[in-house]
Amino acid sequence: METCHSSRITPITIDAHLDVPWMKQKFGIFDLAQPHPTTQVDFPRMRQGKLDTAIMALYLSETLQDQLGPYDAHEAIISQVQWLNTQSKCSIVGFPDSYKSIELRGEMPIFLALEGGRLLQENIELLFIFKMFGIRYLTLTHNRNTSWADSATDITYHGGLVDFGREIIQRCNELSIFVDVSHASDATADDALSCSTKSVWATHSGCRAIFNHPRNLSDNLIRKIDRSGGFIGVPFARNFVGPSASGIIDHIDHIVQIVGHPFCVGIGSDLDGAAMVDEVSSVEDWHHVVNEALSNRGYVDEDIAMIAGMNLFERLEKQYDGE
């Protein structure tokens, strides 16, 4: 599959995975135009951190899904989208909206994703509805198995994807929704790579060779994701990259060395979704721990621009080509 690696426009910084919608679920309605005392992301701090845009993951914990039941869980996700739509000076980049047209209106463009295939409630047609909301990728599992796929952090039950899981992958391909294997077991990720006809992503995963955690990617999976034309977003989460921000660059370096180029790697910080490395208190530290740290490690400006955003942005630009 084709790999995107040409910077045709002014470089854009973009984060592949922020858990901002979950903060609405935890704290109720608040204004992203103002700093919140217990969250890590808002628009003023994004600007301070020189982060132009991000993909924000619609998410509910498995525990909350069990408490709410299928109907109310779906309604809770809709309420997260509605809340984002009420934010001033921002707009969701849907289909077939243009990032640039939103930017020219003086608004911050944001993208959406769906984290956790359990939210599909075993109804494959919900994928079409979520696409209309604007989701760009589906994270197949979260911390627990679904009825059709194994998680990296649950007891092996299915041995990867069952037939319905393969149907989910096929439907994602048909709808041009990227398949995200962060949180998935190795077998689930392997099965997704085998049956997907489009690129497969790992939006917030580190490298197991650098930091041994089952949520991180083996070298074999890193190579396969790259060969699919996919994307790997390195997180800021200390449980996956280690306690220091230098670990973020160590994981990026490892991916670059494993695949032989810098064009499949970027950032999926997991801000607002996990405990961060020591040097990160909020999104305002983004530029320091990404762009500045890459420069200090010896990366040239063009490669920094690709890793800090253009690798991901060019894939999003091309997502609906041919539809």
C-alpha atoms as a PDB file:
ATOM      1  CA  MET A   1       0.000   0.000   0.000  1.00  0.00           C
ATOM      2  CA  GLU A   2       1.062   3.566  -0.619  1.00  0.00           C
ATOM      3  CA  THR A   3       2.935   5.359   2.147  1.00  0.00           C
ATOM      4  CA  CYS A   4       2.447   9.122   2.474  1.00  0.00           C
ATOM      5  CA  HIS A   5       5.660  11.056   2.940  1.00  0.00           C
ATOM      6  CA  SER A   6       5.562  14.353   1.049  1.00  0.00           C
ATOM      7  CA  SER A   7       5.036  17.676   2.814  1.00  0.00           C
ATOM      8  CA  ARG A   8       3.097  19.695   0.241  1.00  0.00           C
ATOM      9  CA  ILE A   9       1.647  22.261   2.645  1.00  0.00           C
ATOM     10  CA  THR A  10       2.674  24.241   5.694  1.00  0.00           C
ATOM     11  CA  PRO A  11       3.484  21.627   8.364  1.00  0.00           C
ATOM     12  CA  ILE A  12       0.640  20.845  10.751  1.00  0.00           C
ATOM     13  CA  THR A  13       1.040  19.332  14.199  1.00  0.00           C
ATOM     14  CA  ILE A  14      -1.585  16.751  15.056  1.00  0.00           C
ATOM     15  CA  ASP A  15      -2.094  14.245  17.861  1.00  0.00           C
ATOM     16  CA  ALA A  16      -3.667  10.899  16.919  1.00  0.00           C
ATOM     17  CA  HIS A  17      -5.330  10.233  20.277  1.00  0.00           C
ATOM     18  CA  LEU A  18      -6.721  12.585  22.917  1.00  0.00           C
ATOM     19  CA  ASP A  19      -9.327  11.369  25.425  1.00  0.00           C
ATOM     20  CA  VAL A  20     -11.083  14.740  25.749  1.00  0.00           C
ATOM     21  CA  PRO A  21     -14.664  13.390  25.257  1.00  0.00           C
ATOM     22  CA  TRP A  22     -14.189  11.084  28.257  1.00  0.00           C
ATOM     23  CA  MET A  23     -13.531  14.182  30.395  1.00  0.00           C
ATOM     24  CA  LYS A  24     -17.040  15.388  29.557  1.00  0.00           C
ATOM     25  CA  GLN A  25     -18.333  12.030  30.770  1.00  0.00           C
ATOM     26  CA  LYS A  26     -16.380  12.319  34.018  1.00  0.00           C
ATOM     27  CA  PHE A  27     -16.906  15.998  34.847  1.00  0.00           C
ATOM     28  CA  GLY A  28     -20.031  17.023  32.948  1.00  0.00           C
ATOM     29  CA  ILE A  29     -20.302  19.915  30.514  1.00  0.00           C
ATOM     30  CA  PHE A  30     -17.442  22.418  30.594  1.00  0.00           C
ATOM     31  CA  ASP A  31     -15.911  24.910  28.180  1.00  0.00           C
ATOM     32  CA  LEU A  32     -12.797  23.809  26.283  1.00  0.00           C
ATOM     33  CA  ALA A  33     -12.049  27.484  25.667  1.00  0.00           C
ATOM     34  CA  GLN A  34     -11.082  27.698  29.361  1.00  0.00           C
ATOM     35  CA  PRO A  35      -8.552  25.613  31.340  1.00  0.00           C
ATOM     36  CA  HIS A  36     -10.176  22.962  33.529  1.00  0.00           C
ATOM     37  CA  PRO A  37      -8.508  22.253  36.912  1.00  0.00           C
ATOM     38  CA  THR A  38      -8.395  18.454  36.525  1.00  0.00           C
ATOM     39  CA  THR A  39      -7.998  17.873  32.777  1.00  0.00           C
ATOM     40  CA  GLN A  40      -4.905  17.920  30.568  1.00  0.00           C
ATOM     41  CA  VAL A  41      -6.328  19.337  27.335  1.00  0.00           C
ATOM     42  CA  ASP A  42      -8.129  22.536  26.350  1.00  0.00           C
ATOM     43  CA  PHE A  43      -7.806  24.916  23.438  1.00  0.00           C
ATOM     44  CA  PRO A  44      -5.631  27.592  25.150  1.00  0.00           C
ATOM     45  CA  ARG A  45      -3.130  24.957  26.284  1.00  0.00           C
ATOM     46  CA  MET A  46      -3.166  23.324  22.840  1.00  0.00           C
ATOM     47  CA  ARG A  47      -2.093  26.670  21.413  1.00  0.00           C
ATOM     48  CA  GLN A  48       0.602  27.026  24.079  1.00  0.00           C
ATOM     49  CA  GLY A  49       1.866  23.571  23.174  1.00  0.00           C
ATOM     50  CA  LYS A  50       1.789  24.450  19.453  1.00  0.00           C
ATOM     51  CA  LEU A  51      -0.595  21.582  18.741  1.00  0.00           C
ATOM     52  CA  ASP A  52      -2.730  22.612  15.769  1.00  0.00           C
ATOM     53  CA  THR A  53      -5.335  19.866  15.868  1.00  0.00           C
ATOM     54  CA  ALA A  54      -6.047  16.371  17.159  1.00  0.00           C
ATOM     55  CA  ILE A  55      -8.191  13.285  16.867  1.00  0.00           C
ATOM     56  CA  MET A  56     -10.440  13.070  19.924  1.00  0.00           C
ATOM     57  CA  ALA A  57     -11.633   9.597  20.896  1.00  0.00           C
ATOM     58  CA  LEU A  58     -15.276   8.964  21.776  1.00  0.00           C
ATOM     59  CA  TYR A  59     -15.071   6.518  24.675  1.00  0.00           C
ATOM     60  CA  LEU A  60     -16.898   4.927  27.589  1.00  0.00           C
ATOM     61  CA  SER A  61     -15.268   2.567  30.067  1.00  0.00           C
ATOM     62  CA  GLU A  62     -16.450  -1.018  29.975  1.00  0.00           C
ATOM     63  CA  THR A  63     -17.713  -0.615  33.546  1.00  0.00           C
ATOM     64  CA  LEU A  64     -19.862   2.365  32.583  1.00  0.00           C
ATOM     65  CA  GLN A  65     -21.165   0.555  29.506  1.00  0.00           C
ATOM     66  CA  ASP A  66     -22.289  -2.309  31.745  1.00  0.00           C
ATOM     67  CA  GLN A  67     -24.036   0.135  34.077  1.00  0.00           C
ATOM     68  CA  LEU A  68     -25.766   2.066  31.296  1.00  0.00           C
ATOM     69  CA  GLY A  69     -26.808  -0.752  28.995  1.00  0.00           C
ATOM     70  CA  PRO A  70     -26.598  -0.651  25.171  1.00  0.00           C
ATOM     71  CA  TYR A  71     -29.156   2.106  24.485  1.00  0.00           C
ATOM     72  CA  ASP A  72     -27.938   4.569  27.116  1.00  0.00           C
ATOM     73  CA  ALA A  73     -24.303   3.877  26.229  1.00  0.00           C
ATOM     74  CA  HIS A  74     -25.046   4.865  22.641  1.00  0.00           C
ATOM     75  CA  GLU A  75     -26.842   7.992  23.853  1.00  0.00           C
ATOM     76  CA  ALA A  76     -23.832   8.886  26.012  1.00  0.00           C
ATOM     77  CA  ILE A  77     -21.571   8.754  22.949  1.00  0.00           C
ATOM     78  CA  ILE A  78     -23.996  10.958  21.028  1.00  0.00           C
ATOM     79  CA  SER A  79     -23.903  13.424  23.941  1.00  0.00           C
ATOM     80  CA  GLN A  80     -20.093  13.579  23.677  1.00  0.00           C
ATOM     81  CA  VAL A  81     -20.385  14.526  19.998  1.00  0.00           C
ATOM     82  CA  GLN A  82     -23.063  17.101  20.780  1.00  0.00           C
ATOM     83  CA  TRP A  83     -20.897  18.593  23.526  1.00  0.00           C
ATOM     84  CA  LEU A  84     -17.947  18.961  21.145  1.00  0.00           C
ATOM     85  CA  ASN A  85     -20.255  20.571  18.602  1.00  0.00           C
ATOM     86  CA  THR A  86     -21.239  23.231  21.160  1.00  0.00           C
ATOM     87  CA  GLN A  87     -17.664  24.356  21.731  1.00  0.00           C
ATOM     88  CA  SER A  88     -16.979  27.814  20.359  1.00  0.00           C
ATOM     89  CA  LYS A  89     -14.139  28.393  17.916  1.00  0.00           C
ATOM     90  CA  CYS A  90     -13.881  24.745  16.890  1.00  0.00           C
ATOM     91  CA  SER A  91     -15.545  22.445  14.384  1.00  0.00           C
ATOM     92  CA  ILE A  92     -15.513  18.689  13.810  1.00  0.00           C
ATOM     93  CA  VAL A  93     -13.960  17.732  10.480  1.00  0.00           C
ATOM     94  CA  GLY A  94     -16.591  15.376   9.137  1.00  0.00           C
ATOM     95  CA  PHE A  95     -17.218  13.791   5.781  1.00  0.00           C
ATOM     96  CA  PRO A  96     -16.693  15.403   3.337  1.00  0.00           C
ATOM     97  CA  ASP A  97     -15.699  18.601   5.217  1.00  0.00           C
ATOM     98  CA  SER A  98     -12.371  20.282   4.598  1.00  0.00           C
ATOM     99  CA  TYR A  99      -9.845  20.924   7.335  1.00  0.00           C
ATOM    100  CA  LYS A 100      -8.698  24.025   5.496  1.00  0.00           C
ATOM    101  CA  SER A 101     -12.154  25.585   5.166  1.00  0.00           C
ATOM    102  CA  ILE A 102     -12.676  25.266   8.931  1.00  0.00           C
ATOM    103  CA  GLU A 103      -9.284  26.796   9.602  1.00  0.00           C
ATOM    104  CA  LEU A 104     -10.031  29.709   7.264  1.00  0.00           C
ATOM    105  CA  ARG A 105     -13.167  30.447   9.302  1.00  0.00           C
ATOM    106  CA  GLY A 106     -10.889  31.060  12.272  1.00  0.00           C
ATOM    107  CA  GLU A 107     -11.959  27.852  14.041  1.00  0.00           C
ATOM    108  CA  MET A 108      -9.911  24.950  15.371  1.00  0.00           C
ATOM    109  CA  PRO A 109     -10.597  21.784  13.337  1.00  0.00           C
ATOM    110  CA  ILE A 110     -10.884  18.572  15.354  1.00  0.00           C
ATOM    111  CA  PHE A 111     -11.263  14.984  14.202  1.00  0.00           C
ATOM    112  CA  LEU A 112     -13.128  12.135  15.904  1.00  0.00           C
ATOM    113  CA  ALA A 113     -12.506   8.442  16.517  1.00  0.00           C
ATOM    114  CA  LEU A 114     -14.312   5.649  18.378  1.00  0.00           C
ATOM    115  CA  GLU A 115     -12.289   3.850  21.050  1.00  0.00           C
ATOM    116  CA  GLY A 116     -13.523   0.352  21.820  1.00  0.00           C
ATOM    117  CA  GLY A 117     -15.472  -1.895  19.453  1.00  0.00           C
ATOM    118  CA  ARG A 118     -17.676  -2.993  22.345  1.00  0.00           C
ATOM    119  CA  LEU A 119     -19.569   0.290  21.777  1.00  0.00           C
ATOM    120  CA  LEU A 120     -20.877  -1.150  18.508  1.00  0.00           C
ATOM    121  CA  GLN A 121     -23.124  -3.373  20.652  1.00  0.00           C
ATOM    122  CA  GLU A 122     -22.642  -6.169  18.072  1.00  0.00           C
ATOM    123  CA  ASN A 123     -24.539  -4.059  15.548  1.00  0.00           C
ATOM    124  CA  ILE A 124     -22.283  -3.677  12.534  1.00  0.00           C
ATOM    125  CA  GLU A 125     -24.525  -1.036  10.962  1.00  0.00           C
ATOM    126  CA  LEU A 126     -23.711   1.370  13.806  1.00  0.00           C
ATOM    127  CA  LEU A 127     -20.400   1.876  11.990  1.00  0.00           C
ATOM    128  CA  PHE A 128     -22.242   3.862   9.318  1.00  0.00           C
ATOM    129  CA  ILE A 129     -23.842   6.103  11.958  1.00  0.00           C
ATOM    130  CA  PHE A 130     -20.492   6.676  13.643  1.00  0.00           C
ATOM    131  CA  LYS A 131     -18.973   7.566  10.287  1.00  0.00           C
ATOM    132  CA  MET A 132     -21.666  10.209   9.849  1.00  0.00           C
ATOM    133  CA  PHE A 133     -20.585  11.617  13.225  1.00  0.00           C
ATOM    134  CA  GLY A 134     -17.126  11.946  11.649  1.00  0.00           C
ATOM    135  CA  ILE A 135     -15.070   9.104  13.144  1.00  0.00           C
ATOM    136  CA  ARG A 136     -11.804   8.440  11.351  1.00  0.00           C
ATOM    137  CA  TYR A 137     -10.748   5.212  13.040  1.00  0.00           C
ATOM    138  CA  LEU A 138     -12.140   2.424  15.211  1.00  0.00           C
ATOM    139  CA  THR A 139      -9.998   1.135  18.085  1.00  0.00           C
ATOM    140  CA  LEU A 140     -11.045  -2.520  18.029  1.00  0.00           C
ATOM    141  CA  THR A 141     -10.834  -3.233  21.761  1.00  0.00           C
ATOM    142  CA  HIS A 142     -10.096  -1.471  25.001  1.00  0.00           C
ATOM    143  CA  ASN A 143      -8.856  -3.099  28.216  1.00  0.00           C
ATOM    144  CA  ARG A 144     -11.270  -6.028  28.015  1.00  0.00           C
ATOM    145  CA  ASN A 145     -12.158  -8.494  25.270  1.00  0.00           C
ATOM    146  CA  THR A 146     -15.184  -7.916  23.102  1.00  0.00           C
ATOM    147  CA  SER A 147     -17.408 -10.775  21.980  1.00  0.00           C
ATOM    148  CA  TRP A 148     -15.438 -10.841  18.736  1.00  0.00           C
ATOM    149  CA  ALA A 149     -11.834  -9.808  19.541  1.00  0.00           C
ATOM    150  CA  ASP A 150      -9.196 -10.276  22.243  1.00  0.00           C
ATOM    151  CA  SER A 151      -7.661  -7.354  24.111  1.00  0.00           C
ATOM    152  CA  ALA A 152      -3.958  -7.182  24.984  1.00  0.00           C
ATOM    153  CA  THR A 153      -4.810  -6.810  28.676  1.00  0.00           C
ATOM    154  CA  ASP A 154      -7.455  -9.505  29.120  1.00  0.00           C
ATOM    155  CA  ILE A 155      -7.325 -13.293  29.278  1.00  0.00           C
ATOM    156  CA  THR A 156      -6.995 -14.855  25.813  1.00  0.00           C
ATOM    157  CA  TYR A 157     -10.413 -16.134  24.835  1.00  0.00           C
ATOM    158  CA  HIS A 158     -10.936 -15.987  21.062  1.00  0.00           C
ATOM    159  CA  GLY A 159      -7.349 -16.363  19.890  1.00  0.00           C
ATOM    160  CA  GLY A 160      -7.677 -13.173  17.829  1.00  0.00           C
ATOM    161  CA  LEU A 161     -10.703 -12.202  15.716  1.00  0.00           C
ATOM    162  CA  VAL A 162     -13.788 -14.361  15.287  1.00  0.00           C
ATOM    163  CA  ASP A 163     -15.754 -14.254  12.019  1.00  0.00           C
ATOM    164  CA  PHE A 164     -17.868 -11.302  13.175  1.00  0.00           C
ATOM    165  CA  GLY A 165     -14.657  -9.418  13.934  1.00  0.00           C
ATOM    166  CA  ARG A 166     -13.517  -9.986  10.363  1.00  0.00           C
ATOM    167  CA  GLU A 167     -16.859  -8.615   9.179  1.00  0.00           C
ATOM    168  CA  ILE A 168     -16.186  -5.500  11.283  1.00  0.00           C
ATOM    169  CA  ILE A 169     -12.828  -5.053   9.539  1.00  0.00           C
ATOM    170  CA  GLN A 170     -14.463  -5.503   6.119  1.00  0.00           C
ATOM    171  CA  ARG A 171     -17.157  -2.933   6.946  1.00  0.00           C
ATOM    172  CA  CYS A 172     -14.524  -0.464   8.180  1.00  0.00           C
ATOM    173  CA  ASN A 173     -12.697  -0.910   4.883  1.00  0.00           C
ATOM    174  CA  GLU A 174     -15.904  -0.286   2.924  1.00  0.00           C
ATOM    175  CA  LEU A 175     -16.619   2.889   4.912  1.00  0.00           C
ATOM    176  CA  SER A 176     -12.995   4.110   4.816  1.00  0.00           C
ATOM    177  CA  ILE A 177     -12.741   3.953   8.604  1.00  0.00           C
ATOM    178  CA  PHE A 178      -9.188   3.090   9.631  1.00  0.00           C
ATOM    179  CA  VAL A 179      -8.738   0.013  11.846  1.00  0.00           C
ATOM    180  CA  ASP A 180      -6.785   0.770  15.038  1.00  0.00           C
ATOM    181  CA  VAL A 181      -5.069  -2.119  16.854  1.00  0.00           C
ATOM    182  CA  SER A 182      -3.911  -0.220  19.948  1.00  0.00           C
ATOM    183  CA  HIS A 183      -5.198  -2.210  22.944  1.00  0.00           C
ATOM    184  CA  ALA A 184      -5.638  -5.329  20.776  1.00  0.00           C
ATOM    185  CA  SER A 185      -3.830  -8.601  21.467  1.00  0.00           C
ATOM    186  CA  ASP A 186      -1.049  -9.624  19.105  1.00  0.00           C
ATOM    187  CA  ALA A 187      -3.311 -12.273  17.569  1.00  0.00           C
ATOM    188  CA  THR A 188      -6.134  -9.760  17.055  1.00  0.00           C
ATOM    189  CA  ALA A 189      -3.732  -7.275  15.463  1.00  0.00           C
ATOM    190  CA  ASP A 190      -2.285  -9.993  13.227  1.00  0.00           C
ATOM    191  CA  ASP A 191      -5.756 -11.066  12.118  1.00  0.00           C
ATOM    192  CA  ALA A 192      -6.746  -7.458  11.416  1.00  0.00           C
ATOM    193  CA  LEU A 193      -3.630  -6.954   9.298  1.00  0.00           C
ATOM    194  CA  SER A 194      -4.308 -10.184   7.426  1.00  0.00           C
ATOM    195  CA  CYS A 195      -7.919  -9.437   6.521  1.00  0.00           C
ATOM    196  CA  SER A 196      -7.849  -5.650   6.064  1.00  0.00           C
ATOM    197  CA  THR A 197      -7.561  -4.392   2.507  1.00  0.00           C
ATOM    198  CA  LYS A 198      -6.598  -0.922   3.770  1.00  0.00           C
ATOM    199  CA  SER A 199      -3.917   0.376   6.081  1.00  0.00           C
ATOM    200  CA  VAL A 200      -4.011  -0.585   9.750  1.00  0.00           C
ATOM    201  CA  TRP A 201      -3.067   1.841  12.521  1.00  0.00           C
ATOM    202  CA  ALA A 202      -1.875   1.689  16.125  1.00  0.00           C
ATOM    203  CA  THR A 203      -2.805   5.178  17.282  1.00  0.00           C
ATOM    204  CA  HIS A 204      -1.370   5.124  20.817  1.00  0.00           C
ATOM    205  CA  SER A 205       1.121   2.290  21.239  1.00  0.00           C
ATOM    206  CA  GLY A 206       4.791   2.083  22.130  1.00  0.00           C
ATOM    207  CA  CYS A 207       7.438  -0.509  21.304  1.00  0.00           C
ATOM    208  CA  ARG A 208       7.665  -3.686  23.371  1.00  0.00           C
ATOM    209  CA  ALA A 209      11.403  -3.960  22.679  1.00  0.00           C
ATOM    210  CA  ILE A 210      11.919  -0.638  24.485  1.00  0.00           C
ATOM    211  CA  PHE A 211       9.326  -1.015  27.245  1.00  0.00           C
ATOM    212  CA  ASN A 212       7.863  -4.459  27.868  1.00  0.00           C
ATOM    213  CA  HIS A 213       4.115  -4.021  28.176  1.00  0.00           C
ATOM    214  CA  PRO A 214       1.483  -6.202  26.443  1.00  0.00           C
ATOM    215  CA  ARG A 215      -0.160  -3.029  25.074  1.00  0.00           C
ATOM    216  CA  ASN A 216       3.017  -2.196  23.159  1.00  0.00           C
ATOM    217  CA  LEU A 217       3.873  -3.466  19.688  1.00  0.00           C
ATOM    218  CA  SER A 218       6.298  -6.232  18.827  1.00  0.00           C
ATOM    219  CA  ASP A 219       8.871  -5.482  16.143  1.00  0.00           C
ATOM    220  CA  ASN A 220       7.027  -7.897  13.862  1.00  0.00           C
ATOM    221  CA  LEU A 221       3.763  -5.940  14.219  1.00  0.00           C
ATOM    222  CA  ILE A 222       5.586  -2.637  13.676  1.00  0.00           C
ATOM    223  CA  ARG A 223       6.917  -3.915  10.351  1.00  0.00           C
ATOM    224  CA  LYS A 224       3.521  -5.278   9.295  1.00  0.00           C
ATOM    225  CA  ILE A 225       1.736  -2.005  10.143  1.00  0.00           C
ATOM    226  CA  ASP A 226       4.291  -0.091   8.114  1.00  0.00           C
ATOM    227  CA  ARG A 227       3.928  -2.470   5.155  1.00  0.00           C
ATOM    228  CA  SER A 228       0.158  -1.935   5.255  1.00  0.00           C
ATOM    229  CA  GLY A 229       0.736   1.787   4.762  1.00  0.00           C
ATOM    230  CA  GLY A 230      -0.365   2.300   8.354  1.00  0.00           C
ATOM    231  CA  PHE A 231       0.474   4.690  11.146  1.00  0.00           C
ATOM    232  CA  ILE A 232       1.884   4.283  14.668  1.00  0.00           C
ATOM    233  CA  GLY A 233       1.279   6.998  17.266  1.00  0.00           C
ATOM    234  CA  VAL A 234       3.706   6.949  20.194  1.00  0.00           C
ATOM    235  CA  PRO A 235       2.031   7.892  23.502  1.00  0.00           C
ATOM    236  CA  PHE A 236       3.168  10.087  26.388  1.00  0.00           C
ATOM    237  CA  ALA A 237       1.753   7.563  28.883  1.00  0.00           C
ATOM    238  CA  ARG A 238       4.349   6.446  31.425  1.00  0.00           C
ATOM    239  CA  ASN A 239       2.922   2.905  31.579  1.00  0.00           C
ATOM    240  CA  PHE A 240       3.806   2.411  27.908  1.00  0.00           C
ATOM    241  CA  VAL A 241       6.964   4.477  27.271  1.00  0.00           C
ATOM    242  CA  GLY A 242       8.553   4.680  30.724  1.00  0.00           C
ATOM    243  CA  PRO A 243       8.686   7.474  33.311  1.00  0.00           C
ATOM    244  CA  SER A 244      10.757  10.003  31.353  1.00  0.00           C
ATOM    245  CA  ALA A 245       9.854  12.053  28.269  1.00  0.00           C
ATOM    246  CA  SER A 246      13.112  10.884  26.673  1.00  0.00           C
ATOM    247  CA  GLY A 247      11.376   7.519  26.334  1.00  0.00           C
ATOM    248  CA  ILE A 248       8.962   9.027  23.808  1.00  0.00           C
ATOM    249  CA  ILE A 249      11.847   9.720  21.437  1.00  0.00           C
ATOM    250  CA  ASP A 250      13.415   6.327  22.201  1.00  0.00           C
ATOM    251  CA  HIS A 251      10.225   4.659  20.934  1.00  0.00           C
ATOM    252  CA  ILE A 252      10.121   6.891  17.842  1.00  0.00           C
ATOM    253  CA  ASP A 253      13.789   6.099  17.156  1.00  0.00           C
ATOM    254  CA  HIS A 254      13.111   2.379  17.447  1.00  0.00           C
ATOM    255  CA  ILE A 255      10.239   2.491  14.959  1.00  0.00           C
ATOM    256  CA  VAL A 256      12.344   4.500  12.501  1.00  0.00           C
ATOM    257  CA  GLN A 257      15.190   1.988  12.825  1.00  0.00           C
ATOM    258  CA  ILE A 258      12.893  -1.049  12.498  1.00  0.00           C
ATOM    259  CA  VAL A 259      11.134   0.149   9.314  1.00  0.00           C
ATOM    260  CA  GLY A 260      14.034   2.171   7.888  1.00  0.00           C
ATOM    261  CA  HIS A 261      12.244   5.515   7.508  1.00  0.00           C
ATOM    262  CA  PRO A 262      10.277   8.130   9.536  1.00  0.00           C
ATOM    263  CA  PHE A 263       7.071   8.093   7.490  1.00  0.00           C
ATOM    264  CA  CYS A 264       4.800   5.773   9.497  1.00  0.00           C
ATOM    265  CA  VAL A 265       5.334   7.239  12.966  1.00  0.00           C
ATOM    266  CA  GLY A 266       3.810  10.142  14.861  1.00  0.00           C
ATOM    267  CA  ILE A 267       2.260  10.985  18.211  1.00  0.00           C
ATOM    268  CA  GLY A 268      -0.839   9.553  19.906  1.00  0.00           C
ATOM    269  CA  SER A 269      -0.256  11.069  23.317  1.00  0.00           C
ATOM    270  CA  ASP A 270      -3.246   9.568  25.212  1.00  0.00           C
ATOM    271  CA  LEU A 271      -3.574  12.862  27.105  1.00  0.00           C
ATOM    272  CA  ASP A 272      -6.621  12.901  29.395  1.00  0.00           C
ATOM    273  CA  GLY A 273      -6.582   9.104  29.267  1.00  0.00           C
ATOM    274  CA  ALA A 274      -3.541   8.002  31.271  1.00  0.00           C
ATOM    275  CA  ALA A 275      -0.787   9.062  33.661  1.00  0.00           C
ATOM    276  CA  MET A 276       1.846  10.961  31.701  1.00  0.00           C
ATOM    277  CA  VAL A 277       5.661  10.908  31.736  1.00  0.00           C
ATOM    278  CA  ASP A 278       7.334  13.133  34.323  1.00  0.00           C
ATOM    279  CA  GLU A 279       7.885  16.134  32.044  1.00  0.00           C
ATOM    280  CA  VAL A 280       4.280  16.343  30.816  1.00  0.00           C
ATOM    281  CA  SER A 281       1.670  18.065  32.970  1.00  0.00           C
ATOM    282  CA  SER A 282      -0.690  18.937  30.115  1.00  0.00           C
ATOM    283  CA  VAL A 283      -0.904  19.474  26.371  1.00  0.00           C
ATOM    284  CA  GLU A 284       1.025  22.743  26.797  1.00  0.00           C
ATOM    285  CA  ASP A 285       4.193  20.578  26.996  1.00  0.00           C
ATOM    286  CA  TRP A 286       3.507  18.973  23.581  1.00  0.00           C
ATOM    287  CA  HIS A 287       5.961  21.015  21.473  1.00  0.00           C
ATOM    288  CA  HIS A 288       8.742  20.628  24.029  1.00  0.00           C
ATOM    289  CA  VAL A 289       8.542  16.843  24.318  1.00  0.00           C
ATOM    290  CA  VAL A 290       8.011  16.285  20.569  1.00  0.00           C
ATOM    291  CA  ASN A 291       9.485  18.926  18.238  1.00  0.00           C
ATOM    292  CA  GLU A 292      12.228  20.228  20.523  1.00  0.00           C
ATOM    293  CA  ALA A 293      13.194  16.752  21.737  1.00  0.00           C
ATOM    294  CA  LEU A 294      13.379  15.397  18.167  1.00  0.00           C
ATOM    295  CA  SER A 295      15.603  18.308  17.188  1.00  0.00           C
ATOM    296  CA  ASN A 296      17.852  17.685  20.180  1.00  0.00           C
ATOM    297  CA  ARG A 297      18.085  14.023  19.151  1.00  0.00           C
ATOM    298  CA  GLY A 298      19.401  15.088  15.718  1.00  0.00           C
ATOM    299  CA  TYR A 299      16.302  14.812  13.521  1.00  0.00           C
ATOM    300  CA  VAL A 300      16.217  17.264  10.602  1.00  0.00           C
ATOM    301  CA  ASP A 301      13.363  19.764  10.227  1.00  0.00           C
ATOM    302  CA  GLU A 302      11.608  17.868   7.422  1.00  0.00           C
ATOM    303  CA  ASP A 303      11.507  14.618   9.414  1.00  0.00           C
ATOM    304  CA  ILE A 304      10.344  16.460  12.542  1.00  0.00           C
ATOM    305  CA  ALA A 305       7.486  17.983  10.543  1.00  0.00           C
ATOM    306  CA  MET A 306       6.449  14.543   9.298  1.00  0.00           C
ATOM    307  CA  ILE A 307       6.563  12.916  12.746  1.00  0.00           C
ATOM    308  CA  ALA A 308       4.884  15.851  14.515  1.00  0.00           C
ATOM    309  CA  GLY A 309       1.896  15.800  12.215  1.00  0.00           C
ATOM    310  CA  MET A 310       2.257  15.466   8.485  1.00  0.00           C
ATOM    311  CA  ASN A 311       2.513  11.650   8.456  1.00  0.00           C
ATOM    312  CA  LEU A 312      -0.912  11.518  10.088  1.00  0.00           C
ATOM    313  CA  PHE A 313      -2.469  14.523   8.369  1.00  0.00           C
ATOM    314  CA  GLU A 314      -1.686  13.277   4.857  1.00  0.00           C
ATOM    315  CA  ARG A 315      -3.380   9.965   5.641  1.00  0.00           C
ATOM    316  CA  LEU A 316      -6.450  11.806   6.892  1.00  0.00           C
ATOM    317  CA  GLU A 317      -6.444  13.962   3.746  1.00  0.00           C
ATOM    318  CA  LYS A 318      -6.513  10.857   1.571  1.00  0.00           C
ATOM    319  CA  GLN A 319      -8.936   8.876   3.741  1.00  0.00           C
ATOM    320  CA  TYR A 320     -11.972   9.242   1.511  1.00  0.00           C
ATOM    321  CA  ASP A 321     -10.186   9.239  -1.861  1.00  0.00           C
ATOM    322  CA  GLY A 322     -12.161   7.218  -4.386  1.00  0.00           C
ATOM    323  CA  GLU A 323     -15.519   7.448  -2.588  1.00  0.00           C
END
